């Protein structure tokens, strides 16, 4: 039986410096519960010739990436997120449903998602009594690069 769905545990979040190519990004470990909220503004397109129905078209889009990270100051990727937050700098992120292409040539079927430069707008620490210290991270898109398909940047 073939699986026709992707499990969240197979998703990958890649990080790098602002403007990096997909090949230069490294996988982020120590994260959980990532989400990729995407929405479009609504523009009214209602005119009299629409039979009395309101009409809406999509306007500008918003894209974010939210996740919980392990508070681990010895981790270079964690430091990159923290530094981007503290300095107002940017990080390159790619939120894929699977692996990126190992060589940029061999496709990874079913692996896709957005890639671009992001601003870190939330970096809130949580210190529950009987759990490890974590950080709620919210990244908001600053520059959209592309929608990665098959684990590769489209030509």
N, C-alpha and C. Protein backbone atom coordinates (compact mmCIF):
# COMPACT_ATOMS: atom_id res chain seq x y z
N UNK A 1 0.85 -1.18 0.00
CA UNK A 1 0.00 0.00 0.00
C UNK A 1 0.89 1.24 0.00
N UNK A 2 0.60 2.18 -0.86
CA UNK A 2 1.38 3.41 -0.96
C UNK A 2 0.77 4.48 -0.06
N UNK A 3 1.64 5.21 0.63
CA UNK A 3 1.18 6.29 1.49
C UNK A 3 0.92 7.52 0.63
N UNK A 4 -0.24 8.13 0.82
CA UNK A 4 -0.60 9.29 0.02
C UNK A 4 -0.58 10.58 0.84
N UNK A 5 0.05 10.53 2.00
CA UNK A 5 0.12 11.72 2.86
C UNK A 5 1.50 11.80 3.46
N UNK A 6 1.85 12.98 3.96
CA UNK A 6 3.14 13.20 4.60
C UNK A 6 2.93 13.34 6.10
N UNK A 7 3.81 12.76 6.88
CA UNK A 7 3.77 12.92 8.33
C UNK A 7 4.60 14.12 8.74
N UNK A 8 4.13 14.84 9.74
CA UNK A 8 4.84 16.02 10.22
C UNK A 8 6.26 15.72 10.65
N UNK A 9 6.50 14.52 11.17
CA UNK A 9 7.84 14.17 11.63
C UNK A 9 8.86 14.13 10.49
N UNK A 10 8.37 14.05 9.25
CA UNK A 10 9.28 14.01 8.10
C UNK A 10 9.62 15.39 7.55
N UNK A 11 8.93 16.42 8.04
CA UNK A 11 9.22 17.77 7.59
C UNK A 11 10.60 18.22 8.07
N UNK A 12 11.17 19.16 7.37
CA UNK A 12 12.51 19.67 7.70
C UNK A 12 12.48 21.19 7.65
N UNK A 13 13.15 21.81 8.61
CA UNK A 13 13.35 23.25 8.60
C UNK A 13 14.84 23.50 8.43
N UNK A 14 15.18 24.23 7.37
CA UNK A 14 16.57 24.54 7.06
C UNK A 14 16.84 26.01 7.34
N UNK A 15 18.07 26.29 7.79
CA UNK A 15 18.45 27.66 8.16
C UNK A 15 19.82 28.00 7.58
N UNK A 16 19.99 29.28 7.29
CA UNK A 16 21.29 29.78 6.82
C UNK A 16 21.33 31.28 6.96
N UNK A 17 22.32 31.87 6.36
CA UNK A 17 22.48 33.33 6.38
C UNK A 17 21.62 33.96 5.30
N UNK A 18 21.28 35.21 5.50
CA UNK A 18 20.48 35.96 4.55
C UNK A 18 21.00 35.76 3.13
N UNK A 19 20.11 35.40 2.20
CA UNK A 19 20.46 35.26 0.79
C UNK A 19 21.12 33.97 0.38
N UNK A 20 21.38 33.05 1.33
CA UNK A 20 22.05 31.79 1.00
C UNK A 20 21.24 30.97 0.00
N UNK A 21 21.95 30.17 -0.81
CA UNK A 21 21.32 29.19 -1.68
C UNK A 21 20.83 28.03 -0.82
N UNK A 22 19.87 27.27 -1.34
CA UNK A 22 19.34 26.11 -0.62
C UNK A 22 20.45 25.14 -0.24
N UNK A 23 21.42 24.97 -1.12
CA UNK A 23 22.51 24.02 -0.85
C UNK A 23 23.33 24.41 0.38
N UNK A 24 23.35 25.69 0.74
CA UNK A 24 24.14 26.16 1.88
C UNK A 24 23.40 26.06 3.21
N UNK A 25 22.10 25.78 3.16
CA UNK A 25 21.30 25.74 4.39
C UNK A 25 21.53 24.42 5.12
N UNK A 26 21.46 24.49 6.46
CA UNK A 26 21.60 23.29 7.29
C UNK A 26 20.28 23.01 8.00
N UNK A 27 20.06 21.74 8.27
CA UNK A 27 18.82 21.35 8.95
C UNK A 27 18.86 21.79 10.40
N UNK A 28 17.75 22.33 10.87
CA UNK A 28 17.62 22.70 12.28
C UNK A 28 17.18 21.49 13.08
N UNK A 29 17.96 21.13 14.08
CA UNK A 29 17.55 20.11 15.03
C UNK A 29 17.00 20.82 16.26
N UNK A 30 16.46 20.08 17.18
CA UNK A 30 16.01 20.67 18.44
C UNK A 30 14.81 21.58 18.31
N UNK A 31 13.93 21.28 17.34
CA UNK A 31 12.69 22.05 17.23
C UNK A 31 11.51 21.10 17.27
N UNK A 32 10.35 21.64 17.62
CA UNK A 32 9.13 20.84 17.58
C UNK A 32 7.94 21.72 17.23
N UNK A 33 6.89 21.06 16.80
CA UNK A 33 5.61 21.69 16.48
C UNK A 33 5.72 22.88 15.52
N UNK A 34 6.49 22.73 14.42
CA UNK A 34 6.54 23.84 13.48
C UNK A 34 5.22 24.01 12.74
N UNK A 35 4.92 25.23 12.37
CA UNK A 35 3.77 25.51 11.52
C UNK A 35 4.17 26.61 10.54
N UNK A 36 3.48 26.63 9.41
CA UNK A 36 3.78 27.59 8.35
C UNK A 36 2.48 28.31 7.98
N UNK A 37 2.09 29.31 8.77
CA UNK A 37 0.85 30.03 8.45
C UNK A 37 1.03 30.90 7.20
N UNK A 38 0.09 30.74 6.28
CA UNK A 38 0.08 31.54 5.05
C UNK A 38 -1.33 32.07 4.86
N UNK A 39 -1.44 33.34 4.52
CA UNK A 39 -2.75 33.92 4.27
C UNK A 39 -2.62 35.05 3.28
N UNK A 40 -3.72 35.38 2.65
CA UNK A 40 -3.75 36.49 1.70
C UNK A 40 -4.73 37.55 2.18
N UNK A 41 -4.38 38.80 1.92
CA UNK A 41 -5.31 39.89 2.18
C UNK A 41 -6.47 39.75 1.19
N UNK A 42 -7.59 40.30 1.55
CA UNK A 42 -8.76 40.21 0.68
C UNK A 42 -9.02 41.57 0.04
N UNK A 43 -9.22 41.55 -1.27
CA UNK A 43 -9.56 42.75 -2.00
C UNK A 43 -10.98 42.60 -2.54
N UNK A 44 -11.80 43.59 -2.30
CA UNK A 44 -13.19 43.56 -2.76
C UNK A 44 -13.25 43.71 -4.27
N UNK A 45 -13.95 42.79 -4.90
CA UNK A 45 -14.12 42.80 -6.35
C UNK A 45 -15.61 42.78 -6.70
N UNK A 46 -16.44 43.38 -5.83
CA UNK A 46 -17.88 43.33 -6.01
C UNK A 46 -18.35 44.43 -6.96
N UNK A 47 -19.04 44.01 -8.00
CA UNK A 47 -19.64 44.93 -8.96
C UNK A 47 -21.08 44.51 -9.22
N UNK A 48 -21.85 45.39 -9.76
CA UNK A 48 -23.28 45.13 -9.98
C UNK A 48 -23.53 43.95 -10.90
N UNK A 49 -22.61 43.65 -11.79
CA UNK A 49 -22.85 42.57 -12.75
C UNK A 49 -22.53 41.17 -12.21
N UNK A 50 -22.43 41.05 -10.88
CA UNK A 50 -22.12 39.75 -10.29
C UNK A 50 -23.37 39.12 -9.67
N UNK A 51 -24.55 39.51 -10.14
CA UNK A 51 -25.79 38.86 -9.72
C UNK A 51 -26.11 39.02 -8.25
N UNK A 52 -25.65 40.10 -7.62
CA UNK A 52 -25.95 40.33 -6.22
C UNK A 52 -25.02 39.61 -5.26
N UNK A 53 -23.95 39.03 -5.78
CA UNK A 53 -22.99 38.32 -4.94
C UNK A 53 -21.76 39.18 -4.69
N UNK A 54 -21.27 39.14 -3.44
CA UNK A 54 -19.99 39.75 -3.15
C UNK A 54 -18.90 38.96 -3.86
N UNK A 55 -17.86 39.63 -4.26
CA UNK A 55 -16.74 38.98 -4.94
C UNK A 55 -15.45 39.43 -4.27
N UNK A 56 -14.60 38.47 -3.97
CA UNK A 56 -13.33 38.74 -3.30
C UNK A 56 -12.20 38.11 -4.09
N UNK A 57 -11.11 38.83 -4.22
CA UNK A 57 -9.91 38.27 -4.82
C UNK A 57 -8.76 38.39 -3.81
N UNK A 58 -7.79 37.51 -3.97
CA UNK A 58 -6.65 37.51 -3.06
C UNK A 58 -5.73 38.69 -3.36
N UNK A 59 -5.27 39.34 -2.30
CA UNK A 59 -4.32 40.44 -2.43
C UNK A 59 -2.93 39.97 -2.01
N UNK A 60 -2.18 40.84 -1.39
CA UNK A 60 -0.85 40.47 -0.93
C UNK A 60 -0.92 39.32 0.06
N UNK A 61 0.10 38.48 0.02
CA UNK A 61 0.14 37.31 0.89
C UNK A 61 1.09 37.53 2.06
N UNK A 62 0.85 36.81 3.14
CA UNK A 62 1.73 36.81 4.31
C UNK A 62 2.20 35.38 4.53
N UNK A 63 3.43 35.26 5.02
CA UNK A 63 4.00 33.95 5.29
C UNK A 63 4.82 34.03 6.56
N UNK A 64 4.65 33.07 7.42
CA UNK A 64 5.44 32.99 8.64
C UNK A 64 5.85 31.56 8.91
N UNK A 65 6.77 31.39 9.82
CA UNK A 65 7.16 30.06 10.30
C UNK A 65 7.23 30.17 11.81
N UNK A 66 6.52 29.29 12.50
CA UNK A 66 6.50 29.30 13.96
C UNK A 66 6.90 27.92 14.46
N UNK A 67 7.68 27.89 15.54
CA UNK A 67 8.10 26.61 16.10
C UNK A 67 8.62 26.82 17.51
N UNK A 68 8.79 25.73 18.21
CA UNK A 68 9.39 25.73 19.54
C UNK A 68 10.81 25.19 19.39
N UNK A 69 11.78 25.92 19.93
CA UNK A 69 13.18 25.50 19.84
C UNK A 69 13.71 25.19 21.24
N UNK A 70 14.57 24.21 21.31
CA UNK A 70 15.27 23.91 22.55
C UNK A 70 16.22 25.07 22.84
N UNK A 71 16.20 25.58 24.08
CA UNK A 71 17.09 26.68 24.47
C UNK A 71 18.48 26.07 24.66
N UNK A 72 19.30 26.18 23.62
CA UNK A 72 20.62 25.55 23.65
C UNK A 72 21.63 26.53 23.06
N UNK A 73 22.27 27.28 23.94
CA UNK A 73 23.14 28.36 23.49
C UNK A 73 24.39 27.86 22.78
N UNK A 74 24.73 26.58 22.91
CA UNK A 74 25.90 26.03 22.21
C UNK A 74 25.59 25.65 20.77
N UNK A 75 24.32 25.73 20.37
CA UNK A 75 23.91 25.36 19.01
C UNK A 75 24.01 26.58 18.09
N UNK A 76 24.75 26.44 16.99
CA UNK A 76 24.98 27.56 16.06
C UNK A 76 23.67 28.06 15.44
N UNK A 77 22.75 27.16 15.13
CA UNK A 77 21.48 27.58 14.54
C UNK A 77 20.64 28.36 15.54
N UNK A 78 20.63 27.92 16.79
CA UNK A 78 19.93 28.65 17.84
C UNK A 78 20.54 30.06 17.97
N UNK A 79 21.86 30.13 17.96
CA UNK A 79 22.54 31.42 18.06
C UNK A 79 22.17 32.34 16.89
N UNK A 80 22.05 31.77 15.69
CA UNK A 80 21.68 32.57 14.52
C UNK A 80 20.30 33.18 14.70
N UNK A 81 19.36 32.40 15.23
CA UNK A 81 18.01 32.90 15.49
C UNK A 81 18.05 34.01 16.55
N UNK A 82 18.77 33.75 17.64
CA UNK A 82 18.86 34.73 18.72
C UNK A 82 19.50 36.02 18.23
N UNK A 83 20.58 35.91 17.48
CA UNK A 83 21.26 37.10 16.97
C UNK A 83 20.37 37.89 16.01
N UNK A 84 19.64 37.17 15.16
CA UNK A 84 18.72 37.86 14.24
C UNK A 84 17.66 38.61 15.02
N UNK A 85 17.16 38.00 16.09
CA UNK A 85 16.16 38.68 16.92
C UNK A 85 16.75 39.92 17.60
N UNK A 86 17.91 39.75 18.23
CA UNK A 86 18.50 40.84 19.00
C UNK A 86 18.99 42.01 18.15
N UNK A 87 19.41 41.73 16.92
CA UNK A 87 19.97 42.78 16.07
C UNK A 87 19.00 43.29 15.01
N UNK A 88 17.85 42.62 14.87
CA UNK A 88 16.93 43.00 13.80
C UNK A 88 17.41 42.49 12.45
N UNK A 89 18.32 41.53 12.46
CA UNK A 89 18.86 40.96 11.23
C UNK A 89 17.93 39.90 10.65
N UNK A 90 18.39 39.29 9.58
CA UNK A 90 17.59 38.30 8.88
C UNK A 90 18.29 36.95 8.86
N UNK A 91 17.48 35.88 8.75
CA UNK A 91 17.99 34.54 8.51
C UNK A 91 17.27 33.97 7.30
N UNK A 92 17.93 33.07 6.60
CA UNK A 92 17.31 32.37 5.47
C UNK A 92 16.70 31.10 6.03
N UNK A 93 15.43 30.87 5.73
CA UNK A 93 14.74 29.65 6.17
C UNK A 93 14.06 28.98 4.98
N UNK A 94 14.02 27.67 5.03
CA UNK A 94 13.26 26.88 4.07
C UNK A 94 12.50 25.83 4.87
N UNK A 95 11.17 25.89 4.82
CA UNK A 95 10.32 24.94 5.55
C UNK A 95 9.78 23.93 4.53
N UNK A 96 10.40 22.75 4.51
CA UNK A 96 10.06 21.75 3.51
C UNK A 96 9.31 20.57 4.14
N UNK A 97 8.54 19.89 3.33
CA UNK A 97 7.79 18.72 3.79
C UNK A 97 8.66 17.47 3.82
N UNK A 98 9.92 17.59 3.43
CA UNK A 98 10.87 16.49 3.44
C UNK A 98 12.28 17.01 3.27
N UNK A 99 13.17 16.15 2.84
CA UNK A 99 14.58 16.49 2.66
C UNK A 99 14.78 17.45 1.49
N UNK A 100 15.85 18.23 1.55
CA UNK A 100 16.28 18.99 0.38
C UNK A 100 17.13 18.05 -0.47
N UNK A 101 17.27 18.37 -1.73
CA UNK A 101 18.09 17.55 -2.62
C UNK A 101 19.53 17.54 -2.11
N UNK A 102 20.13 16.35 -1.98
CA UNK A 102 21.49 16.29 -1.44
C UNK A 102 22.53 16.94 -2.35
N UNK A 103 22.26 16.96 -3.66
CA UNK A 103 23.23 17.50 -4.60
C UNK A 103 22.67 18.63 -5.46
N UNK A 104 21.41 19.00 -5.24
CA UNK A 104 20.78 20.05 -6.03
C UNK A 104 20.34 19.57 -7.40
N UNK A 105 20.56 18.30 -7.70
CA UNK A 105 20.22 17.74 -9.01
C UNK A 105 19.20 16.61 -8.88
N UNK A 106 19.39 15.78 -7.84
CA UNK A 106 18.51 14.63 -7.64
C UNK A 106 17.24 15.07 -6.93
N UNK A 107 16.07 14.92 -7.58
CA UNK A 107 14.82 15.36 -6.93
C UNK A 107 14.47 14.50 -5.72
N UNK A 108 13.77 15.11 -4.78
CA UNK A 108 13.22 14.41 -3.63
C UNK A 108 11.70 14.52 -3.77
N UNK A 109 11.06 13.49 -4.34
CA UNK A 109 9.62 13.56 -4.60
C UNK A 109 8.82 13.93 -3.35
N UNK A 110 7.89 14.85 -3.51
CA UNK A 110 6.99 15.23 -2.43
C UNK A 110 7.56 16.21 -1.42
N UNK A 111 8.79 16.66 -1.63
CA UNK A 111 9.39 17.61 -0.70
C UNK A 111 9.27 19.02 -1.27
N UNK A 112 8.46 19.83 -0.62
CA UNK A 112 8.28 21.20 -1.12
C UNK A 112 8.01 22.15 0.03
N UNK A 113 8.08 23.44 -0.27
CA UNK A 113 7.79 24.45 0.73
C UNK A 113 8.47 25.76 0.42
N UNK A 114 8.17 26.79 1.21
CA UNK A 114 8.70 28.13 0.94
C UNK A 114 10.13 28.31 1.42
N UNK A 115 10.86 29.20 0.71
CA UNK A 115 12.21 29.58 1.11
C UNK A 115 12.35 31.09 0.92
N UNK A 116 12.97 31.73 1.90
CA UNK A 116 13.20 33.17 1.80
C UNK A 116 13.95 33.67 3.01
N UNK A 117 14.08 34.99 3.09
CA UNK A 117 14.71 35.63 4.24
C UNK A 117 13.62 36.06 5.22
N UNK A 118 13.87 35.81 6.50
CA UNK A 118 12.87 36.04 7.53
C UNK A 118 13.43 36.90 8.66
N UNK A 119 12.55 37.69 9.23
CA UNK A 119 12.83 38.47 10.43
C UNK A 119 12.27 37.70 11.62
N UNK A 120 13.01 37.63 12.70
CA UNK A 120 12.54 36.94 13.90
C UNK A 120 11.78 37.95 14.75
N UNK A 121 10.47 37.77 14.86
CA UNK A 121 9.63 38.75 15.56
C UNK A 121 9.20 38.29 16.95
N UNK A 122 9.44 37.03 17.26
CA UNK A 122 9.12 36.53 18.61
C UNK A 122 10.21 35.54 18.99
N UNK A 123 10.75 35.71 20.19
CA UNK A 123 11.81 34.84 20.69
C UNK A 123 11.59 34.69 22.20
N UNK A 124 10.43 34.16 22.56
CA UNK A 124 9.99 34.11 23.96
C UNK A 124 10.42 32.82 24.64
N UNK A 125 11.08 32.96 25.78
CA UNK A 125 11.58 31.81 26.54
C UNK A 125 10.51 31.29 27.49
N UNK A 126 10.45 29.96 27.59
CA UNK A 126 9.52 29.29 28.50
C UNK A 126 10.33 28.39 29.43
N UNK A 127 10.04 28.50 30.75
CA UNK A 127 10.79 27.75 31.76
C UNK A 127 9.86 26.96 32.67
N UNK A 128 9.13 25.96 32.14
CA UNK A 128 8.25 25.16 32.99
C UNK A 128 9.05 24.36 34.02
N UNK A 129 8.45 24.18 35.18
CA UNK A 129 9.13 23.56 36.33
C UNK A 129 9.77 22.21 36.00
N UNK A 130 9.06 21.33 35.33
CA UNK A 130 9.55 19.97 35.12
C UNK A 130 9.85 19.66 33.66
N UNK A 131 10.21 20.66 32.91
CA UNK A 131 10.55 20.45 31.50
C UNK A 131 11.79 21.27 31.16
N UNK A 132 12.32 21.03 29.97
CA UNK A 132 13.49 21.80 29.56
C UNK A 132 13.08 23.22 29.18
N UNK A 133 14.03 24.12 29.21
CA UNK A 133 13.77 25.49 28.78
C UNK A 133 13.67 25.50 27.25
N UNK A 134 12.63 26.14 26.75
CA UNK A 134 12.41 26.24 25.31
C UNK A 134 12.17 27.69 24.91
N UNK A 135 12.06 27.88 23.63
CA UNK A 135 11.85 29.22 23.08
C UNK A 135 10.80 29.14 21.98
N UNK A 136 9.77 29.96 22.09
CA UNK A 136 8.77 30.06 21.03
C UNK A 136 9.30 31.05 20.00
N UNK A 137 9.50 30.58 18.77
CA UNK A 137 10.08 31.42 17.72
C UNK A 137 9.01 31.70 16.65
N UNK A 138 8.91 32.97 16.28
CA UNK A 138 8.07 33.37 15.15
C UNK A 138 8.97 34.09 14.16
N UNK A 139 8.97 33.58 12.93
CA UNK A 139 9.73 34.19 11.84
C UNK A 139 8.73 34.70 10.81
N UNK A 140 8.89 35.94 10.37
CA UNK A 140 7.99 36.50 9.37
C UNK A 140 8.79 36.85 8.12
N UNK A 141 8.19 36.53 6.99
CA UNK A 141 8.86 36.71 5.70
C UNK A 141 9.21 38.17 5.43
N UNK A 142 10.45 38.37 5.02
CA UNK A 142 10.91 39.68 4.58
C UNK A 142 11.09 39.68 3.06
N UNK A 143 11.75 38.64 2.54
CA UNK A 143 11.98 38.51 1.11
C UNK A 143 11.66 37.08 0.68
N UNK A 144 10.66 36.92 -0.20
CA UNK A 144 10.33 35.60 -0.73
C UNK A 144 11.30 35.27 -1.85
N UNK A 145 11.91 34.09 -1.77
CA UNK A 145 12.82 33.65 -2.82
C UNK A 145 12.08 32.74 -3.80
N UNK A 146 11.58 31.61 -3.31
CA UNK A 146 10.90 30.68 -4.20
C UNK A 146 10.13 29.64 -3.40
N UNK A 147 9.33 28.89 -4.11
CA UNK A 147 8.69 27.71 -3.54
C UNK A 147 9.52 26.54 -4.00
N UNK A 148 10.23 25.91 -3.07
CA UNK A 148 11.08 24.75 -3.38
C UNK A 148 10.18 23.60 -3.79
N UNK A 149 10.52 22.92 -4.87
CA UNK A 149 9.74 21.77 -5.36
C UNK A 149 10.67 20.58 -5.54
N UNK A 150 10.18 19.40 -5.10
CA UNK A 150 10.97 18.17 -5.20
C UNK A 150 12.33 18.33 -4.52
N UNK A 151 12.37 19.17 -3.46
CA UNK A 151 13.60 19.36 -2.71
C UNK A 151 14.63 20.21 -3.41
N UNK A 152 14.24 20.86 -4.53
CA UNK A 152 15.18 21.66 -5.31
C UNK A 152 14.56 23.02 -5.64
N UNK A 153 15.44 23.98 -5.93
CA UNK A 153 14.97 25.29 -6.38
C UNK A 153 14.57 25.15 -7.85
N UNK A 154 13.34 25.56 -8.20
CA UNK A 154 12.91 25.43 -9.60
C UNK A 154 13.82 26.23 -10.55
N UNK A 155 14.03 25.67 -11.72
CA UNK A 155 14.90 26.33 -12.71
C UNK A 155 14.20 27.52 -13.34
